[in-house]
Amino acid sequence: MIRLVVGLGNPGKEYERTRHNAGFWLVERFAASSGVHFKKDPKYQALVARLDAGGAWLLLPQSFMNASGRPVQMLAGFFKLKPEEILVVHDELDFPPGAARIKQGGGIAGHNGLKDISQRLATHEYWRLRLGVGKPPPGSEGADYVLQKPPAEERAAIDAAIENALGVLPQCLAGDLQGAMHKLHTQDKAVVKKEPEKKAPEKKELPKKEAPKKKDTQAKEPEKPGFLKSLFGKK
């Protein structure tokens, strides 16, 4: 059973539409569809909501991505939540926009939010809901890529994946993680297979300018009269 759903992202208007905030997008929409509202809790340094009197907690850390672990650790410690009762929703570079996957544990692939949570909880064995945002194009840094806004087509694909994930979230909260995984992974299987490869923008080569022809500055020698003309003169 999942008792805590954590959405990862960065606080502030300048970040709210960036790829790194995909976890925020899902948990905010889940709260809105469930009719609950977030309240800022300085003790946890996070926005906190609860689905009902005895239901799961929703958490949006406001401590920036690389310090996401402290709010999770504090709330989980206070309510004595086990790692396997925590679901962390985050952006995933390894999947294309439109894909959503659930897993427990595993590598964190350099994700700073997950890194801090794992260090604070001293384990990787919490659950993760990964929302694909695609790989950066060749030559681009992942850290810069996730802090950019996705174009409209990619954002629409991410929103579709969020809708699919929201459909299985009640199963996760009820403890049927395997059933939720099967349903969600079946839905986005085609999306993952058809991941388009991003290409670096082509550099247009400017037409080469032809070098100006050098003028012949050497004076030409006057033509000498022909040999026959010199002997016989003009006809």
C-alpha atoms as a PDB file:
ATOM      1  CA  MET A   1       0.000   0.000   0.000  1.00  0.00           C
ATOM      2  CA  ILE A   2       1.247   3.483  -0.882  1.00  0.00           C
ATOM      3  CA  ARG A   3       0.835   6.005   1.947  1.00  0.00           C
ATOM      4  CA  LEU A   4       2.917   8.866   0.555  1.00  0.00           C
ATOM      5  CA  VAL A   5       3.033  10.220  -3.015  1.00  0.00           C
ATOM      6  CA  VAL A   6       5.900  12.628  -3.676  1.00  0.00           C
ATOM      7  CA  GLY A   7       6.071  14.821  -6.765  1.00  0.00           C
ATOM      8  CA  LEU A   8       9.535  16.097  -7.669  1.00  0.00           C
ATOM      9  CA  GLY A   9      10.233  19.522  -9.150  1.00  0.00           C
ATOM     10  CA  ASN A  10      11.596  22.976  -8.449  1.00  0.00           C
ATOM     11  CA  PRO A  11       9.537  25.737  -6.819  1.00  0.00           C
ATOM     12  CA  GLY A  12       9.013  29.086  -8.525  1.00  0.00           C
ATOM     13  CA  LYS A  13       7.314  30.352 -11.686  1.00  0.00           C
ATOM     14  CA  GLU A  14      10.521  30.205 -13.737  1.00  0.00           C
ATOM     15  CA  TYR A  15      10.582  26.395 -13.331  1.00  0.00           C
ATOM     16  CA  GLU A  16       6.912  25.424 -13.308  1.00  0.00           C
ATOM     17  CA  ARG A  17       6.714  24.539 -17.029  1.00  0.00           C
ATOM     18  CA  THR A  18      10.121  22.884 -17.349  1.00  0.00           C
ATOM     19  CA  ARG A  19      10.640  19.153 -17.930  1.00  0.00           C
ATOM     20  CA  HIS A  20      12.140  18.687 -14.448  1.00  0.00           C
ATOM     21  CA  ASN A  21       8.746  19.551 -12.943  1.00  0.00           C
ATOM     22  CA  ALA A  22       6.852  16.647 -14.507  1.00  0.00           C
ATOM     23  CA  GLY A  23       6.478  15.068 -11.049  1.00  0.00           C
ATOM     24  CA  PHE A  24       4.801  18.242  -9.771  1.00  0.00           C
ATOM     25  CA  TRP A  25       2.434  18.254 -12.754  1.00  0.00           C
ATOM     26  CA  LEU A  26       1.104  14.762 -12.006  1.00  0.00           C
ATOM     27  CA  VAL A  27       0.689  15.151  -8.243  1.00  0.00           C
ATOM     28  CA  GLU A  28      -0.937  18.583  -8.626  1.00  0.00           C
ATOM     29  CA  ARG A  29      -3.463  17.138 -11.083  1.00  0.00           C
ATOM     30  CA  PHE A  30      -4.116  14.176  -8.816  1.00  0.00           C
ATOM     31  CA  ALA A  31      -4.816  16.517  -5.896  1.00  0.00           C
ATOM     32  CA  ALA A  32      -7.161  18.649  -8.025  1.00  0.00           C
ATOM     33  CA  SER A  33      -9.083  15.599  -9.302  1.00  0.00           C
ATOM     34  CA  SER A  34      -9.349  14.298  -5.724  1.00  0.00           C
ATOM     35  CA  GLY A  35     -10.707  17.612  -4.430  1.00  0.00           C
ATOM     36  CA  VAL A  36      -7.885  18.282  -1.965  1.00  0.00           C
ATOM     37  CA  HIS A  37      -5.726  21.376  -1.614  1.00  0.00           C
ATOM     38  CA  PHE A  38      -2.067  21.787  -0.738  1.00  0.00           C
ATOM     39  CA  LYS A  39      -0.967  23.780   2.285  1.00  0.00           C
ATOM     40  CA  LYS A  40       2.527  25.114   2.829  1.00  0.00           C
ATOM     41  CA  ASP A  41       4.081  23.429   5.847  1.00  0.00           C
ATOM     42  CA  PRO A  42       7.309  25.182   7.001  1.00  0.00           C
ATOM     43  CA  LYS A  43       8.132  22.224   9.236  1.00  0.00           C
ATOM     44  CA  TYR A  44       8.491  19.926   6.224  1.00  0.00           C
ATOM     45  CA  GLN A  45       9.560  22.703   3.832  1.00  0.00           C
ATOM     46  CA  ALA A  46       6.934  21.417   1.410  1.00  0.00           C
ATOM     47  CA  LEU A  47       3.382  21.698   0.140  1.00  0.00           C
ATOM     48  CA  VAL A  48       1.349  18.990   1.867  1.00  0.00           C
ATOM     49  CA  ALA A  49      -2.133  17.542   1.319  1.00  0.00           C
ATOM     50  CA  ARG A  50      -4.011  14.469   2.510  1.00  0.00           C
ATOM     51  CA  LEU A  51      -6.599  12.604   0.494  1.00  0.00           C
ATOM     52  CA  ASP A  52      -8.905  11.984   3.469  1.00  0.00           C
ATOM     53  CA  ALA A  53      -8.737  11.479   7.227  1.00  0.00           C
ATOM     54  CA  GLY A  54      -6.836   8.187   6.990  1.00  0.00           C
ATOM     55  CA  GLY A  55      -5.616   8.299   3.392  1.00  0.00           C
ATOM     56  CA  ALA A  56      -2.318   8.865   1.656  1.00  0.00           C
ATOM     57  CA  TRP A  57      -0.236  12.006   1.968  1.00  0.00           C
ATOM     58  CA  LEU A  58       0.696  14.094  -1.057  1.00  0.00           C
ATOM     59  CA  LEU A  59       3.984  15.986  -0.885  1.00  0.00           C
ATOM     60  CA  LEU A  60       5.619  18.604  -3.132  1.00  0.00           C
ATOM     61  CA  PRO A  61       9.059  19.503  -1.700  1.00  0.00           C
ATOM     62  CA  GLN A  62       9.817  23.239  -1.906  1.00  0.00           C
ATOM     63  CA  SER A  63      13.513  22.817  -1.130  1.00  0.00           C
ATOM     64  CA  PHE A  64      14.644  22.570  -4.785  1.00  0.00           C
ATOM     65  CA  MET A  65      15.409  19.342  -6.571  1.00  0.00           C
ATOM     66  CA  ASN A  66      18.804  18.481  -5.098  1.00  0.00           C
ATOM     67  CA  ALA A  67      17.432  18.825  -1.543  1.00  0.00           C
ATOM     68  CA  SER A  68      14.177  16.884  -2.055  1.00  0.00           C
ATOM     69  CA  GLY A  69      15.114  14.200   0.459  1.00  0.00           C
ATOM     70  CA  ARG A  70      14.746  16.232   3.645  1.00  0.00           C
ATOM     71  CA  PRO A  71      10.949  16.840   3.371  1.00  0.00           C
ATOM     72  CA  VAL A  72      10.418  13.179   2.412  1.00  0.00           C
ATOM     73  CA  GLN A  73      12.553  11.943   5.303  1.00  0.00           C
ATOM     74  CA  MET A  74      10.842  14.204   7.843  1.00  0.00           C
ATOM     75  CA  LEU A  75       7.263  13.338   6.893  1.00  0.00           C
ATOM     76  CA  ALA A  76       8.025   9.624   6.510  1.00  0.00           C
ATOM     77  CA  GLY A  77       9.838   9.605   9.852  1.00  0.00           C
ATOM     78  CA  PHE A  78       7.051  11.413  11.701  1.00  0.00           C
ATOM     79  CA  PHE A  79       4.305   9.099  10.418  1.00  0.00           C
ATOM     80  CA  LYS A  80       6.526   5.991  10.497  1.00  0.00           C
ATOM     81  CA  LEU A  81       6.219   5.255   6.787  1.00  0.00           C
ATOM     82  CA  LYS A  82       8.315   2.470   5.274  1.00  0.00           C
ATOM     83  CA  PRO A  83      10.250   3.047   2.002  1.00  0.00           C
ATOM     84  CA  GLU A  84       8.004   0.546   0.206  1.00  0.00           C
ATOM     85  CA  GLU A  85       5.001   2.731   1.164  1.00  0.00           C
ATOM     86  CA  ILE A  86       6.417   5.738  -0.696  1.00  0.00           C
ATOM     87  CA  LEU A  87       5.852   6.515  -4.400  1.00  0.00           C
ATOM     88  CA  VAL A  88       8.083   9.194  -5.959  1.00  0.00           C
ATOM     89  CA  VAL A  89       6.934  10.736  -9.261  1.00  0.00           C
ATOM     90  CA  HIS A  90       9.719  12.196 -11.401  1.00  0.00           C
ATOM     91  CA  ASP A  91      10.941  13.043 -14.901  1.00  0.00           C
ATOM     92  CA  GLU A  92      12.867  10.334 -16.761  1.00  0.00           C
ATOM     93  CA  LEU A  93      15.398  10.975 -19.545  1.00  0.00           C
ATOM     94  CA  ASP A  94      15.541   7.293 -20.568  1.00  0.00           C
ATOM     95  CA  PHE A  95      11.947   7.291 -21.869  1.00  0.00           C
ATOM     96  CA  PRO A  96      10.401   9.382 -24.661  1.00  0.00           C
ATOM     97  CA  PRO A  97       7.612  11.902 -23.970  1.00  0.00           C
ATOM     98  CA  GLY A  98       4.378   9.931 -23.657  1.00  0.00           C
ATOM     99  CA  ALA A  99       5.836   7.021 -21.681  1.00  0.00           C
ATOM    100  CA  ALA A 100       5.147   6.307 -17.997  1.00  0.00           C
ATOM    101  CA  ARG A 101       6.561   3.408 -15.997  1.00  0.00           C
ATOM    102  CA  ILE A 102       6.416   2.163 -12.410  1.00  0.00           C
ATOM    103  CA  LYS A 103       9.281   0.375 -10.675  1.00  0.00           C
ATOM    104  CA  GLN A 104      10.665  -0.250  -7.206  1.00  0.00           C
ATOM    105  CA  GLY A 105      14.290   0.517  -6.426  1.00  0.00           C
ATOM    106  CA  GLY A 106      16.981   0.381  -9.076  1.00  0.00           C
ATOM    107  CA  GLY A 107      19.523   2.917 -10.261  1.00  0.00           C
ATOM    108  CA  ILE A 108      18.841   6.639 -10.102  1.00  0.00           C
ATOM    109  CA  ALA A 109      20.708   7.531 -13.337  1.00  0.00           C
ATOM    110  CA  GLY A 110      22.122  10.786 -12.003  1.00  0.00           C
ATOM    111  CA  HIS A 111      18.754  12.266 -10.973  1.00  0.00           C
ATOM    112  CA  ASN A 112      19.597  14.710  -8.154  1.00  0.00           C
ATOM    113  CA  GLY A 113      16.181  14.495  -6.515  1.00  0.00           C
ATOM    114  CA  LEU A 114      16.303  10.707  -6.302  1.00  0.00           C
ATOM    115  CA  LYS A 115      19.906  10.829  -5.161  1.00  0.00           C
ATOM    116  CA  ASP A 116      19.034  12.996  -2.168  1.00  0.00           C
ATOM    117  CA  ILE A 117      15.958  10.924  -1.263  1.00  0.00           C
ATOM    118  CA  SER A 118      17.968   7.685  -1.398  1.00  0.00           C
ATOM    119  CA  GLN A 119      20.676   9.169   0.816  1.00  0.00           C
ATOM    120  CA  ARG A 120      18.143  10.456   3.356  1.00  0.00           C
ATOM    121  CA  LEU A 121      16.169   7.202   3.468  1.00  0.00           C
ATOM    122  CA  ALA A 122      19.373   5.105   3.255  1.00  0.00           C
ATOM    123  CA  THR A 123      17.755   2.912   0.576  1.00  0.00           C
ATOM    124  CA  HIS A 124      16.611   2.845  -3.060  1.00  0.00           C
ATOM    125  CA  GLU A 125      13.683   0.558  -2.256  1.00  0.00           C
ATOM    126  CA  TYR A 126      10.879   3.106  -2.545  1.00  0.00           C
ATOM    127  CA  TRP A 127       8.534   3.036  -5.531  1.00  0.00           C
ATOM    128  CA  ARG A 128       8.973   5.327  -8.526  1.00  0.00           C
ATOM    129  CA  LEU A 129       6.597   6.531 -11.214  1.00  0.00           C
ATOM    130  CA  ARG A 130       8.790   7.673 -14.110  1.00  0.00           C
ATOM    131  CA  LEU A 131       7.456  10.134 -16.687  1.00  0.00           C
ATOM    132  CA  GLY A 132       9.422  10.173 -19.922  1.00  0.00           C
ATOM    133  CA  VAL A 133      10.698  13.544 -21.115  1.00  0.00           C
ATOM    134  CA  GLY A 134      13.117  12.217 -23.767  1.00  0.00           C
ATOM    135  CA  LYS A 135      16.858  12.370 -24.173  1.00  0.00           C
ATOM    136  CA  PRO A 136      18.683  15.622 -24.857  1.00  0.00           C
ATOM    137  CA  PRO A 137      20.020  16.023 -28.393  1.00  0.00           C
ATOM    138  CA  PRO A 138      23.691  15.168 -28.980  1.00  0.00           C
ATOM    139  CA  GLY A 139      25.986  17.807 -27.590  1.00  0.00           C
ATOM    140  CA  SER A 140      23.443  19.009 -24.995  1.00  0.00           C
ATOM    141  CA  GLU A 141      23.766  18.558 -21.241  1.00  0.00           C
ATOM    142  CA  GLY A 142      20.973  16.709 -19.424  1.00  0.00           C
ATOM    143  CA  ALA A 143      21.039  19.278 -16.601  1.00  0.00           C
ATOM    144  CA  ASP A 144      20.285  22.075 -19.067  1.00  0.00           C
ATOM    145  CA  TYR A 145      17.749  20.033 -21.039  1.00  0.00           C
ATOM    146  CA  VAL A 146      15.474  19.254 -18.074  1.00  0.00           C
ATOM    147  CA  LEU A 147      15.355  22.937 -17.111  1.00  0.00           C
ATOM    148  CA  GLN A 148      13.902  23.869 -20.502  1.00  0.00           C
ATOM    149  CA  LYS A 149      10.230  23.968 -21.459  1.00  0.00           C
ATOM    150  CA  PRO A 150       9.229  21.134 -23.803  1.00  0.00           C
ATOM    151  CA  PRO A 151       7.713  22.174 -27.144  1.00  0.00           C
ATOM    152  CA  ALA A 152       3.937  21.893 -27.469  1.00  0.00           C
ATOM    153  CA  GLU A 153       3.974  18.443 -29.118  1.00  0.00           C
ATOM    154  CA  GLU A 154       6.189  16.939 -26.396  1.00  0.00           C
ATOM    155  CA  ARG A 155       4.168  18.574 -23.615  1.00  0.00           C
ATOM    156  CA  ALA A 156       0.975  17.089 -25.066  1.00  0.00           C
ATOM    157  CA  ALA A 157       2.602  13.625 -25.050  1.00  0.00           C
ATOM    158  CA  ILE A 158       3.733  14.050 -21.433  1.00  0.00           C
ATOM    159  CA  ASP A 159       0.219  15.171 -20.451  1.00  0.00           C
ATOM    160  CA  ALA A 160      -1.223  12.050 -22.107  1.00  0.00           C
ATOM    161  CA  ALA A 161       1.181   9.881 -20.093  1.00  0.00           C
ATOM    162  CA  ILE A 162       0.131  11.703 -16.916  1.00  0.00           C
ATOM    163  CA  GLU A 163      -3.514  10.915 -17.718  1.00  0.00           C
ATOM    164  CA  ASN A 164      -2.663   7.219 -18.106  1.00  0.00           C
ATOM    165  CA  ALA A 165      -0.729   7.256 -14.828  1.00  0.00           C
ATOM    166  CA  LEU A 166      -3.570   8.984 -12.985  1.00  0.00           C
ATOM    167  CA  GLY A 167      -5.819   6.150 -14.102  1.00  0.00           C
ATOM    168  CA  VAL A 168      -3.734   3.559 -12.219  1.00  0.00           C
ATOM    169  CA  LEU A 169      -2.834   5.667  -9.179  1.00  0.00           C
ATOM    170  CA  PRO A 170      -5.848   4.424  -7.141  1.00  0.00           C
ATOM    171  CA  GLN A 171      -4.545   0.853  -7.657  1.00  0.00           C
ATOM    172  CA  CYS A 172      -1.146   1.929  -6.345  1.00  0.00           C
ATOM    173  CA  LEU A 173      -2.691   3.496  -3.251  1.00  0.00           C
ATOM    174  CA  ALA A 174      -4.704   0.329  -2.656  1.00  0.00           C
ATOM    175  CA  GLY A 175      -1.547  -1.786  -2.792  1.00  0.00           C
ATOM    176  CA  ASP A 176      -2.038  -3.407  -6.207  1.00  0.00           C
ATOM    177  CA  LEU A 177       1.283  -2.196  -7.625  1.00  0.00           C
ATOM    178  CA  GLN A 178       1.675  -5.209  -9.910  1.00  0.00           C
ATOM    179  CA  GLY A 179      -1.750  -4.671 -11.462  1.00  0.00           C
ATOM    180  CA  ALA A 180      -1.033  -0.954 -11.903  1.00  0.00           C
ATOM    181  CA  MET A 181       2.331  -1.731 -13.525  1.00  0.00           C
ATOM    182  CA  HIS A 182       0.811  -4.201 -15.987  1.00  0.00           C
ATOM    183  CA  LYS A 183      -1.944  -1.818 -17.048  1.00  0.00           C
ATOM    184  CA  LEU A 184       0.290   1.235 -17.380  1.00  0.00           C
ATOM    185  CA  HIS A 185       3.148  -0.543 -19.154  1.00  0.00           C
ATOM    186  CA  THR A 186       0.748  -2.106 -21.660  1.00  0.00           C
ATOM    187  CA  GLN A 187      -0.621   1.336 -22.503  1.00  0.00           C
ATOM    188  CA  ASP A 188       2.724   2.953 -23.251  1.00  0.00           C
ATOM    189  CA  LYS A 189       4.563  -0.023 -24.764  1.00  0.00           C
ATOM    190  CA  ALA A 190       4.156   1.318 -28.290  1.00  0.00           C
ATOM    191  CA  VAL A 191       5.345   4.760 -27.254  1.00  0.00           C
ATOM    192  CA  VAL A 192       8.613   3.437 -25.820  1.00  0.00           C
ATOM    193  CA  LYS A 193       9.336   1.371 -28.955  1.00  0.00           C
ATOM    194  CA  LYS A 194       8.824   4.321 -31.269  1.00  0.00           C
ATOM    195  CA  GLU A 195      11.100   6.762 -29.480  1.00  0.00           C
ATOM    196  CA  PRO A 196      12.362   9.228 -32.073  1.00  0.00           C
ATOM    197  CA  GLU A 197      16.056   9.919 -32.006  1.00  0.00           C
ATOM    198  CA  LYS A 198      16.782  13.567 -31.434  1.00  0.00           C
ATOM    199  CA  LYS A 199      19.317  15.046 -33.758  1.00  0.00           C
ATOM    200  CA  ALA A 200      21.576  17.946 -33.116  1.00  0.00           C
ATOM    201  CA  PRO A 201      20.515  20.980 -35.150  1.00  0.00           C
ATOM    202  CA  GLU A 202      22.284  20.980 -38.485  1.00  0.00           C
ATOM    203  CA  LYS A 203      24.790  23.719 -39.019  1.00  0.00           C
ATOM    204  CA  LYS A 204      24.190  25.467 -42.296  1.00  0.00           C
ATOM    205  CA  GLU A 205      27.375  26.060 -44.195  1.00  0.00           C
ATOM    206  CA  LEU A 206      27.674  29.496 -45.675  1.00  0.00           C
ATOM    207  CA  PRO A 207      28.528  29.521 -49.383  1.00  0.00           C
ATOM    208  CA  LYS A 208      32.198  30.011 -49.901  1.00  0.00           C
ATOM    209  CA  LYS A 209      33.108  33.301 -51.506  1.00  0.00           C
ATOM    210  CA  GLU A 210      35.292  32.978 -54.559  1.00  0.00           C
ATOM    211  CA  ALA A 211      38.596  34.722 -54.201  1.00  0.00           C
ATOM    212  CA  PRO A 212      38.781  37.747 -56.482  1.00  0.00           C
ATOM    213  CA  LYS A 213      40.890  37.133 -59.563  1.00  0.00           C
ATOM    214  CA  LYS A 214      44.252  38.852 -59.448  1.00  0.00           C
ATOM    215  CA  LYS A 215      44.795  41.447 -62.093  1.00  0.00           C
ATOM    216  CA  ASP A 216      47.776  40.914 -64.347  1.00  0.00           C
ATOM    217  CA  THR A 217      49.908  43.923 -63.517  1.00  0.00           C
ATOM    218  CA  GLN A 218      52.780  42.936 -65.760  1.00  0.00           C
ATOM    219  CA  ALA A 219      53.013  44.973 -68.970  1.00  0.00           C
ATOM    220  CA  LYS A 220      52.754  42.892 -72.113  1.00  0.00           C
ATOM    221  CA  GLU A 221      55.564  43.097 -74.622  1.00  0.00           C
ATOM    222  CA  PRO A 222      54.519  44.547 -77.984  1.00  0.00           C
ATOM    223  CA  GLU A 223      54.124  41.902 -80.626  1.00  0.00           C
ATOM    224  CA  LYS A 224      57.139  41.673 -82.927  1.00  0.00           C
ATOM    225  CA  PRO A 225      56.415  41.864 -86.661  1.00  0.00           C
ATOM    226  CA  GLY A 226      56.410  38.502 -88.369  1.00  0.00           C
ATOM    227  CA  PHE A 227      59.587  37.247 -90.023  1.00  0.00           C
ATOM    228  CA  LEU A 228      58.203  37.468 -93.602  1.00  0.00           C
ATOM    229  CA  LYS A 229      56.864  40.973 -93.005  1.00  0.00           C
ATOM    230  CA  SER A 230      60.231  42.131 -91.803  1.00  0.00           C
ATOM    231  CA  LEU A 231      61.845  40.875 -95.070  1.00  0.00           C
ATOM    232  CA  PHE A 232      59.380  42.022 -97.667  1.00  0.00           C
ATOM    233  CA  GLY A 233      57.440  44.747 -95.941  1.00  0.00           C
ATOM    234  CA  LYS A 234      53.755  45.313 -96.673  1.00  0.00           C
ATOM    235  CA  LYS A 235      52.141  43.882 -99.743  1.00  0.00           C
END
